[in-house]
Amino acid sequence: MTPFVVLIPARLASTRLPDKPLADLAGVPMVVRVARRARLSQARRVVVAADSSRIVEACETHGVEALLTRDDHPSGSDRLAEACARLALDDDEIVVNVQGDEPLIDPALVDAVAAALRSDTDVAMSTAAHAIDSLEDFLNPNVVKAVLDARGHALYFSRAPIPWWRDGAKDAAGLRALPTSPAPLRHIGIYGYRAGFVRRFPTLAPAPVEATEALEQLRALWHGFRIAVHVSELRPGPGVDTPEDLVRVRALIERA
């Protein structure tokens, strides 16, 4: 596999879980656990792009490379762009963006997202998805759905239940079953880019549909860039957004 770099954006401020990157998981800060999982992939380098010296210090204490970036970036993409520039990555270097709140990320998924970008010269980005197997997830606006074309490129991402079939809710009792052809897909928040596109992305005008859905990846589609989607057979481990998520992940780690 062509070597690639993993960048992990980490922001200290979080409205639902303060100091989230430093949350303790069996004696190790969460962002360090994420980096350790990413190191099990085929990445040649794993770097945390942090907005706080506290995160950098925690990473360095545990032997994880970290870079202090500006603390006023409006999005993780802007933080990644600064990191790519600071690290002087070549435009063609493949970068995989692993979220800093995914301490159970599968290293094989990281490799698959990098491979999807490397093997498809028609795309600017890559990401991942897996089949939705519950009606509750299909209807949940916090579960982002993806619809793909014949080549496995994203047609659209939405918080709405898509694809929606015409007669899906004609019964007075409402929706009772998942669509089957095609089966709905849940988007997994991991991205592959070439470093040149990472630097370009923040300069693209935000898309109206991006603001409506609150999904930044729609900016790329709106501007005509393609996104390759690796469909995983496995559901990824839970991420950490809330105190309840943290309790759940702590329990999983302790049982491992």
C-alpha atoms as a PDB file:
ATOM      1  CA  MET A   1       0.000   0.000   0.000  1.00  0.00           C
ATOM      2  CA  THR A   2       1.140   3.534  -0.745  1.00  0.00           C
ATOM      3  CA  PRO A   3       2.291   5.136   2.538  1.00  0.00           C
ATOM      4  CA  PHE A   4      -0.121   7.601   4.091  1.00  0.00           C
ATOM      5  CA  VAL A   5      -0.366   9.929   7.067  1.00  0.00           C
ATOM      6  CA  VAL A   6      -3.064   9.914   9.743  1.00  0.00           C
ATOM      7  CA  LEU A   7      -4.048  13.296  11.148  1.00  0.00           C
ATOM      8  CA  ILE A   8      -6.217  13.429  14.267  1.00  0.00           C
ATOM      9  CA  PRO A   9      -7.804  16.839  14.928  1.00  0.00           C
ATOM     10  CA  ALA A  10      -8.393  17.374  18.643  1.00  0.00           C
ATOM     11  CA  ARG A  11     -10.264  20.311  20.132  1.00  0.00           C
ATOM     12  CA  LEU A  12     -10.397  20.861  23.881  1.00  0.00           C
ATOM     13  CA  ALA A  13     -13.694  22.739  23.936  1.00  0.00           C
ATOM     14  CA  SER A  14     -16.804  20.552  23.777  1.00  0.00           C
ATOM     15  CA  THR A  15     -20.284  21.635  24.786  1.00  0.00           C
ATOM     16  CA  ARG A  16     -21.465  18.111  25.647  1.00  0.00           C
ATOM     17  CA  LEU A  17     -18.239  16.732  27.134  1.00  0.00           C
ATOM     18  CA  PRO A  18     -15.668  19.298  28.363  1.00  0.00           C
ATOM     19  CA  ASP A  19     -11.987  18.402  27.816  1.00  0.00           C
ATOM     20  CA  LYS A  20     -13.092  15.417  25.731  1.00  0.00           C
ATOM     21  CA  PRO A  21      -9.689  14.592  24.153  1.00  0.00           C
ATOM     22  CA  LEU A  22      -8.209  14.215  27.651  1.00  0.00           C
ATOM     23  CA  ALA A  23     -11.016  12.053  29.036  1.00  0.00           C
ATOM     24  CA  ASP A  24      -9.516   9.149  30.963  1.00  0.00           C
ATOM     25  CA  LEU A  25      -9.915   5.705  29.416  1.00  0.00           C
ATOM     26  CA  ALA A  26      -8.278   3.103  31.650  1.00  0.00           C
ATOM     27  CA  GLY A  27      -5.510   5.513  32.622  1.00  0.00           C
ATOM     28  CA  VAL A  28      -4.859   6.878  29.131  1.00  0.00           C
ATOM     29  CA  PRO A  29      -6.231  10.099  27.553  1.00  0.00           C
ATOM     30  CA  MET A  30      -8.771   9.357  24.845  1.00  0.00           C
ATOM     31  CA  VAL A  31      -6.843  11.092  22.054  1.00  0.00           C
ATOM     32  CA  VAL A  32      -3.792   8.952  22.896  1.00  0.00           C
ATOM     33  CA  ARG A  33      -5.903   5.807  22.578  1.00  0.00           C
ATOM     34  CA  VAL A  34      -7.108   7.007  19.178  1.00  0.00           C
ATOM     35  CA  ALA A  35      -3.513   7.586  18.047  1.00  0.00           C
ATOM     36  CA  ARG A  36      -2.444   4.158  19.298  1.00  0.00           C
ATOM     37  CA  ARG A  37      -5.242   2.512  17.323  1.00  0.00           C
ATOM     38  CA  ALA A  38      -4.271   4.491  14.231  1.00  0.00           C
ATOM     39  CA  ARG A  39      -0.659   3.344  14.645  1.00  0.00           C
ATOM     40  CA  LEU A  40      -1.860  -0.237  14.150  1.00  0.00           C
ATOM     41  CA  SER A  41      -2.804   0.707  10.582  1.00  0.00           C
ATOM     42  CA  GLN A  42      -0.273   0.906   7.755  1.00  0.00           C
ATOM     43  CA  ALA A  43       0.137   4.668   8.217  1.00  0.00           C
ATOM     44  CA  ARG A  44       3.742   5.852   8.021  1.00  0.00           C
ATOM     45  CA  ARG A  45       3.019   8.637  10.498  1.00  0.00           C
ATOM     46  CA  VAL A  46       0.296   9.525  13.002  1.00  0.00           C
ATOM     47  CA  VAL A  47       0.003  13.128  14.194  1.00  0.00           C
ATOM     48  CA  VAL A  48      -2.489  14.776  16.538  1.00  0.00           C
ATOM     49  CA  ALA A  49      -3.413  18.317  15.453  1.00  0.00           C
ATOM     50  CA  ALA A  50      -4.442  20.008  18.701  1.00  0.00           C
ATOM     51  CA  ASP A  51      -5.829  23.396  19.664  1.00  0.00           C
ATOM     52  CA  SER A  52      -4.375  23.326  23.187  1.00  0.00           C
ATOM     53  CA  SER A  53      -0.942  22.852  24.717  1.00  0.00           C
ATOM     54  CA  ARG A  54      -2.584  20.553  27.280  1.00  0.00           C
ATOM     55  CA  ILE A  55      -3.424  18.075  24.519  1.00  0.00           C
ATOM     56  CA  VAL A  56       0.074  18.345  23.046  1.00  0.00           C
ATOM     57  CA  GLU A  57       1.642  17.739  26.468  1.00  0.00           C
ATOM     58  CA  ALA A  58      -0.579  14.724  27.127  1.00  0.00           C
ATOM     59  CA  CYS A  59       0.341  13.244  23.751  1.00  0.00           C
ATOM     60  CA  GLU A  60       4.054  13.821  24.218  1.00  0.00           C
ATOM     61  CA  THR A  61       3.913  12.227  27.676  1.00  0.00           C
ATOM     62  CA  HIS A  62       2.633   9.059  26.016  1.00  0.00           C
ATOM     63  CA  GLY A  63       4.993   9.167  23.042  1.00  0.00           C
ATOM     64  CA  VAL A  64       2.450  10.412  20.495  1.00  0.00           C
ATOM     65  CA  GLU A  65       3.483  13.058  17.949  1.00  0.00           C
ATOM     66  CA  ALA A  66       1.357  16.191  18.277  1.00  0.00           C
ATOM     67  CA  LEU A  67       1.228  19.597  16.637  1.00  0.00           C
ATOM     68  CA  LEU A  68      -0.172  22.750  18.249  1.00  0.00           C
ATOM     69  CA  THR A  69      -2.456  24.532  15.790  1.00  0.00           C
ATOM     70  CA  ARG A  70      -4.449  27.742  16.082  1.00  0.00           C
ATOM     71  CA  ASP A  71      -7.321  27.663  18.552  1.00  0.00           C
ATOM     72  CA  ASP A  72      -9.725  29.722  16.407  1.00  0.00           C
ATOM     73  CA  HIS A  73     -10.306  27.364  13.475  1.00  0.00           C
ATOM     74  CA  PRO A  74     -14.005  27.209  12.536  1.00  0.00           C
ATOM     75  CA  SER A  75     -13.835  23.513  11.648  1.00  0.00           C
ATOM     76  CA  GLY A  76     -11.714  20.392  11.807  1.00  0.00           C
ATOM     77  CA  SER A  77     -10.974  20.769   8.102  1.00  0.00           C
ATOM     78  CA  ASP A  78      -9.305  24.129   8.705  1.00  0.00           C
ATOM     79  CA  ARG A  79      -7.212  22.541  11.447  1.00  0.00           C
ATOM     80  CA  LEU A  80      -6.192  19.757   9.056  1.00  0.00           C
ATOM     81  CA  ALA A  81      -5.226  22.292   6.397  1.00  0.00           C
ATOM     82  CA  GLU A  82      -2.920  24.080   8.838  1.00  0.00           C
ATOM     83  CA  ALA A  83      -1.413  20.752   9.912  1.00  0.00           C
ATOM     84  CA  CYS A  84      -0.721  19.735   6.294  1.00  0.00           C
ATOM     85  CA  ALA A  85       1.000  23.063   5.671  1.00  0.00           C
ATOM     86  CA  ARG A  86       3.009  22.904   8.898  1.00  0.00           C
ATOM     87  CA  LEU A  87       4.114  19.340   8.162  1.00  0.00           C
ATOM     88  CA  ALA A  88       5.037  20.324   4.568  1.00  0.00           C
ATOM     89  CA  LEU A  89       3.162  17.358   3.111  1.00  0.00           C
ATOM     90  CA  ASP A  90       3.366  16.998  -0.676  1.00  0.00           C
ATOM     91  CA  ASP A  91       0.136  17.666  -2.572  1.00  0.00           C
ATOM     92  CA  ASP A  92      -0.184  13.997  -3.568  1.00  0.00           C
ATOM     93  CA  GLU A  93       0.382  12.634  -0.053  1.00  0.00           C
ATOM     94  CA  ILE A  94      -2.632  10.683   1.168  1.00  0.00           C
ATOM     95  CA  VAL A  95      -4.000  11.919   4.489  1.00  0.00           C
ATOM     96  CA  VAL A  96      -6.582  10.026   6.544  1.00  0.00           C
ATOM     97  CA  ASN A  97      -8.557  12.122   9.001  1.00  0.00           C
ATOM     98  CA  VAL A  98      -9.387  10.018  12.064  1.00  0.00           C
ATOM     99  CA  GLN A  99     -11.656  11.741  14.558  1.00  0.00           C
ATOM    100  CA  GLY A 100     -10.197  12.300  18.012  1.00  0.00           C
ATOM    101  CA  ASP A 101     -13.244  10.804  19.744  1.00  0.00           C
ATOM    102  CA  GLU A 102     -13.004   7.335  18.146  1.00  0.00           C
ATOM    103  CA  PRO A 103     -10.882   5.347  20.633  1.00  0.00           C
ATOM    104  CA  LEU A 104     -12.144   2.023  19.229  1.00  0.00           C
ATOM    105  CA  ILE A 105     -11.414   2.825  15.564  1.00  0.00           C
ATOM    106  CA  ASP A 106     -10.539  -0.280  13.530  1.00  0.00           C
ATOM    107  CA  PRO A 107      -7.037   0.050  11.999  1.00  0.00           C
ATOM    108  CA  ALA A 108      -8.240  -1.986   9.000  1.00  0.00           C
ATOM    109  CA  LEU A 109     -10.881   0.679   8.336  1.00  0.00           C
ATOM    110  CA  VAL A 110      -8.168   3.349   8.295  1.00  0.00           C
ATOM    111  CA  ASP A 111      -6.262   1.297   5.707  1.00  0.00           C
ATOM    112  CA  ALA A 112      -9.405   0.747   3.622  1.00  0.00           C
ATOM    113  CA  VAL A 113     -10.201   4.468   3.436  1.00  0.00           C
ATOM    114  CA  ALA A 114      -6.635   5.215   2.322  1.00  0.00           C
ATOM    115  CA  ALA A 115      -6.813   2.423  -0.277  1.00  0.00           C
ATOM    116  CA  ALA A 116     -10.149   3.683  -1.645  1.00  0.00           C
ATOM    117  CA  LEU A 117      -8.585   7.061  -2.385  1.00  0.00           C
ATOM    118  CA  ARG A 118      -5.359   5.658  -3.784  1.00  0.00           C
ATOM    119  CA  SER A 119      -7.120   3.315  -6.215  1.00  0.00           C
ATOM    120  CA  ASP A 120      -9.553   5.870  -7.654  1.00  0.00           C
ATOM    121  CA  THR A 121      -7.992   8.823  -9.449  1.00  0.00           C
ATOM    122  CA  ASP A 122     -11.430  10.311 -10.212  1.00  0.00           C
ATOM    123  CA  VAL A 123     -12.159  11.210  -6.587  1.00  0.00           C
ATOM    124  CA  ALA A 124     -10.981  14.005  -4.320  1.00  0.00           C
ATOM    125  CA  MET A 125     -11.981  12.302  -1.086  1.00  0.00           C
ATOM    126  CA  SER A 126     -12.805   8.915   0.398  1.00  0.00           C
ATOM    127  CA  THR A 127     -14.863   7.864   3.385  1.00  0.00           C
ATOM    128  CA  ALA A 128     -16.723   4.814   4.718  1.00  0.00           C
ATOM    129  CA  ALA A 129     -20.182   3.486   5.468  1.00  0.00           C
ATOM    130  CA  HIS A 130     -21.871   0.318   6.705  1.00  0.00           C
ATOM    131  CA  ALA A 131     -25.343  -1.179   6.333  1.00  0.00           C
ATOM    132  CA  ILE A 132     -28.061   0.067   8.666  1.00  0.00           C
ATOM    133  CA  ASP A 133     -29.820  -2.825  10.361  1.00  0.00           C
ATOM    134  CA  SER A 134     -32.356  -1.076  12.568  1.00  0.00           C
ATOM    135  CA  LEU A 135     -35.345   1.096  11.820  1.00  0.00           C
ATOM    136  CA  GLU A 136     -34.436   3.284  14.799  1.00  0.00           C
ATOM    137  CA  ASP A 137     -31.069   4.181  13.243  1.00  0.00           C
ATOM    138  CA  PHE A 138     -32.666   4.769   9.843  1.00  0.00           C
ATOM    139  CA  LEU A 139     -35.051   7.349  11.322  1.00  0.00           C
ATOM    140  CA  ASN A 140     -32.499   8.956  13.686  1.00  0.00           C
ATOM    141  CA  PRO A 141     -31.283  12.366  12.402  1.00  0.00           C
ATOM    142  CA  ASN A 142     -28.044  11.904  14.344  1.00  0.00           C
ATOM    143  CA  VAL A 143     -27.266   8.893  12.147  1.00  0.00           C
ATOM    144  CA  VAL A 144     -25.989  10.235   8.820  1.00  0.00           C
ATOM    145  CA  LYS A 145     -26.999   8.221   5.751  1.00  0.00           C
ATOM    146  CA  ALA A 146     -25.210   7.862   2.429  1.00  0.00           C
ATOM    147  CA  VAL A 147     -26.500   6.962  -1.032  1.00  0.00           C
ATOM    148  CA  LEU A 148     -23.981   5.732  -3.623  1.00  0.00           C
ATOM    149  CA  ASP A 149     -23.776   5.489  -7.393  1.00  0.00           C
ATOM    150  CA  ALA A 150     -22.807   2.434  -9.456  1.00  0.00           C
ATOM    151  CA  ARG A 151     -19.084   3.099  -8.913  1.00  0.00           C
ATOM    152  CA  GLY A 152     -19.338   3.418  -5.146  1.00  0.00           C
ATOM    153  CA  HIS A 153     -19.155   7.209  -5.201  1.00  0.00           C
ATOM    154  CA  ALA A 154     -21.367   9.262  -2.912  1.00  0.00           C
ATOM    155  CA  LEU A 155     -24.478  10.745  -4.475  1.00  0.00           C
ATOM    156  CA  TYR A 156     -25.606  12.433  -1.262  1.00  0.00           C
ATOM    157  CA  PHE A 157     -25.336  12.401   2.505  1.00  0.00           C
ATOM    158  CA  SER A 158     -28.291  13.278   4.705  1.00  0.00           C
ATOM    159  CA  ARG A 159     -29.655  13.197   8.214  1.00  0.00           C
ATOM    160  CA  ALA A 160     -32.991  12.235   6.682  1.00  0.00           C
ATOM    161  CA  PRO A 161     -33.894   8.571   6.091  1.00  0.00           C
ATOM    162  CA  ILE A 162     -32.599   7.919   2.560  1.00  0.00           C
ATOM    163  CA  PRO A 163     -33.090   6.250   0.175  1.00  0.00           C
ATOM    164  CA  TRP A 164     -36.827   6.718   0.682  1.00  0.00           C
ATOM    165  CA  TRP A 165     -39.211   4.615  -1.351  1.00  0.00           C
ATOM    166  CA  ARG A 166     -42.466   6.074  -2.604  1.00  0.00           C
ATOM    167  CA  ASP A 167     -44.802   3.858  -0.604  1.00  0.00           C
ATOM    168  CA  GLY A 168     -42.624   3.685   2.494  1.00  0.00           C
ATOM    169  CA  ALA A 169     -45.142   5.220   4.873  1.00  0.00           C
ATOM    170  CA  LYS A 170     -48.486   4.841   3.102  1.00  0.00           C
ATOM    171  CA  ASP A 171     -49.739   2.690   5.982  1.00  0.00           C
ATOM    172  CA  ALA A 172     -51.528   4.774   8.604  1.00  0.00           C
ATOM    173  CA  ALA A 173     -49.328   3.199  11.260  1.00  0.00           C
ATOM    174  CA  GLY A 174     -46.258   4.711   9.629  1.00  0.00           C
ATOM    175  CA  LEU A 175     -42.957   3.187   8.647  1.00  0.00           C
ATOM    176  CA  ARG A 176     -42.521  -0.381   9.874  1.00  0.00           C
ATOM    177  CA  ALA A 177     -39.533  -1.780   7.962  1.00  0.00           C
ATOM    178  CA  LEU A 178     -36.269  -0.759   6.348  1.00  0.00           C
ATOM    179  CA  PRO A 179     -36.002  -0.375   2.572  1.00  0.00           C
ATOM    180  CA  THR A 180     -34.170  -3.295   1.004  1.00  0.00           C
ATOM    181  CA  SER A 181     -33.155  -2.265  -2.511  1.00  0.00           C
ATOM    182  CA  PRO A 182     -30.815  -0.585  -2.012  1.00  0.00           C
ATOM    183  CA  ALA A 183     -30.229  -1.186   1.657  1.00  0.00           C
ATOM    184  CA  PRO A 184     -29.607   2.059   3.575  1.00  0.00           C
ATOM    185  CA  LEU A 185     -26.058   2.914   4.598  1.00  0.00           C
ATOM    186  CA  ARG A 186     -24.797   4.699   7.695  1.00  0.00           C
ATOM    187  CA  HIS A 187     -21.943   7.087   7.069  1.00  0.00           C
ATOM    188  CA  ILE A 188     -18.821   6.583   9.175  1.00  0.00           C
ATOM    189  CA  GLY A 189     -17.002   9.838   9.972  1.00  0.00           C
ATOM    190  CA  ILE A 190     -13.535   9.032   8.654  1.00  0.00           C
ATOM    191  CA  TYR A 191     -12.072  10.711   5.562  1.00  0.00           C
ATOM    192  CA  GLY A 192      -9.203  10.287   3.159  1.00  0.00           C
ATOM    193  CA  TYR A 193      -7.803  13.199   1.143  1.00  0.00           C
ATOM    194  CA  ARG A 194      -4.743  14.152  -0.812  1.00  0.00           C
ATOM    195  CA  ALA A 195      -2.910  16.859   1.093  1.00  0.00           C
ATOM    196  CA  GLY A 196      -3.349  19.356  -1.742  1.00  0.00           C
ATOM    197  CA  PHE A 197      -7.128  18.995  -1.489  1.00  0.00           C
ATOM    198  CA  VAL A 198      -7.018  19.328   2.302  1.00  0.00           C
ATOM    199  CA  ARG A 199      -5.355  22.712   1.841  1.00  0.00           C
ATOM    200  CA  ARG A 200      -7.865  23.701  -0.834  1.00  0.00           C
ATOM    201  CA  PHE A 201     -11.053  22.600   0.915  1.00  0.00           C
ATOM    202  CA  PRO A 202     -11.328  25.504   3.405  1.00  0.00           C
ATOM    203  CA  THR A 203     -11.088  27.963   0.503  1.00  0.00           C
ATOM    204  CA  LEU A 204     -14.238  26.535  -1.137  1.00  0.00           C
ATOM    205  CA  ALA A 205     -17.407  28.498  -0.488  1.00  0.00           C
ATOM    206  CA  PRO A 206     -19.686  26.717   2.000  1.00  0.00           C
ATOM    207  CA  ALA A 207     -22.647  25.081   0.267  1.00  0.00           C
ATOM    208  CA  PRO A 208     -26.241  26.022   1.161  1.00  0.00           C
ATOM    209  CA  VAL A 209     -27.086  22.319   1.523  1.00  0.00           C
ATOM    210  CA  GLU A 210     -24.085  21.923   3.841  1.00  0.00           C
ATOM    211  CA  ALA A 211     -25.606  24.476   6.211  1.00  0.00           C
ATOM    212  CA  THR A 212     -29.062  22.885   5.972  1.00  0.00           C
ATOM    213  CA  GLU A 213     -27.843  19.373   6.813  1.00  0.00           C
ATOM    214  CA  ALA A 214     -24.923  20.475   9.040  1.00  0.00           C
ATOM    215  CA  LEU A 215     -22.691  18.089   7.057  1.00  0.00           C
ATOM    216  CA  GLU A 216     -19.384  19.546   5.892  1.00  0.00           C
ATOM    217  CA  GLN A 217     -18.686  16.808   3.315  1.00  0.00           C
ATOM    218  CA  LEU A 218     -21.598  18.101   1.218  1.00  0.00           C
ATOM    219  CA  ARG A 219     -19.415  21.080   0.323  1.00  0.00           C
ATOM    220  CA  ALA A 220     -17.211  18.812  -1.781  1.00  0.00           C
ATOM    221  CA  LEU A 221     -20.187  17.307  -3.637  1.00  0.00           C
ATOM    222  CA  TRP A 222     -21.774  20.711  -4.175  1.00  0.00           C
ATOM    223  CA  HIS A 223     -18.589  21.924  -5.866  1.00  0.00           C
ATOM    224  CA  GLY A 224     -18.472  18.870  -8.127  1.00  0.00           C
ATOM    225  CA  PHE A 225     -15.840  16.760  -6.375  1.00  0.00           C
ATOM    226  CA  ARG A 226     -16.392  13.023  -6.072  1.00  0.00           C
ATOM    227  CA  ILE A 227     -16.158  11.029  -2.845  1.00  0.00           C
ATOM    228  CA  ALA A 228     -15.352   7.292  -2.887  1.00  0.00           C
ATOM    229  CA  VAL A 229     -17.135   5.302  -0.191  1.00  0.00           C
ATOM    230  CA  HIS A 230     -15.729   2.085   1.251  1.00  0.00           C
ATOM    231  CA  VAL A 231     -18.617  -0.067   2.493  1.00  0.00           C
ATOM    232  CA  SER A 232     -17.524  -1.952   5.580  1.00  0.00           C
ATOM    233  CA  GLU A 233     -19.091  -5.230   6.612  1.00  0.00           C
ATOM    234  CA  LEU A 234     -18.506  -4.384  10.256  1.00  0.00           C
ATOM    235  CA  ARG A 235     -20.168  -1.750  12.388  1.00  0.00           C
ATOM    236  CA  PRO A 236     -17.488   0.542  13.880  1.00  0.00           C
ATOM    237  CA  GLY A 237     -16.978   0.785  17.622  1.00  0.00           C
ATOM    238  CA  PRO A 238     -18.908   3.588  19.339  1.00  0.00           C
ATOM    239  CA  GLY A 239     -17.483   7.088  19.393  1.00  0.00           C
ATOM    240  CA  VAL A 240     -17.631   9.467  22.341  1.00  0.00           C
ATOM    241  CA  ASP A 241     -19.857  12.543  22.134  1.00  0.00           C
ATOM    242  CA  THR A 242     -21.562  12.584  25.530  1.00  0.00           C
ATOM    243  CA  PRO A 243     -20.865  11.552  29.139  1.00  0.00           C
ATOM    244  CA  GLU A 244     -23.080   8.509  28.520  1.00  0.00           C
ATOM    245  CA  ASP A 245     -20.928   7.513  25.539  1.00  0.00           C
ATOM    246  CA  LEU A 246     -17.834   7.819  27.716  1.00  0.00           C
ATOM    247  CA  VAL A 247     -19.261   5.439  30.308  1.00  0.00           C
ATOM    248  CA  ARG A 248     -20.136   2.943  27.555  1.00  0.00           C
ATOM    249  CA  VAL A 249     -16.683   3.044  25.957  1.00  0.00           C
ATOM    250  CA  ARG A 250     -14.929   2.793  29.336  1.00  0.00           C
ATOM    251  CA  ALA A 251     -16.861  -0.387  30.018  1.00  0.00           C
ATOM    252  CA  LEU A 252     -15.938  -1.864  26.630  1.00  0.00           C
ATOM    253  CA  ILE A 253     -12.239  -1.091  27.157  1.00  0.00           C
ATOM    254  CA  GLU A 254     -12.238  -2.535  30.667  1.00  0.00           C
ATOM    255  CA  ARG A 255     -13.794  -5.769  29.389  1.00  0.00           C
ATOM    256  CA  ALA A 256     -11.320  -6.110  26.516  1.00  0.00           C
END
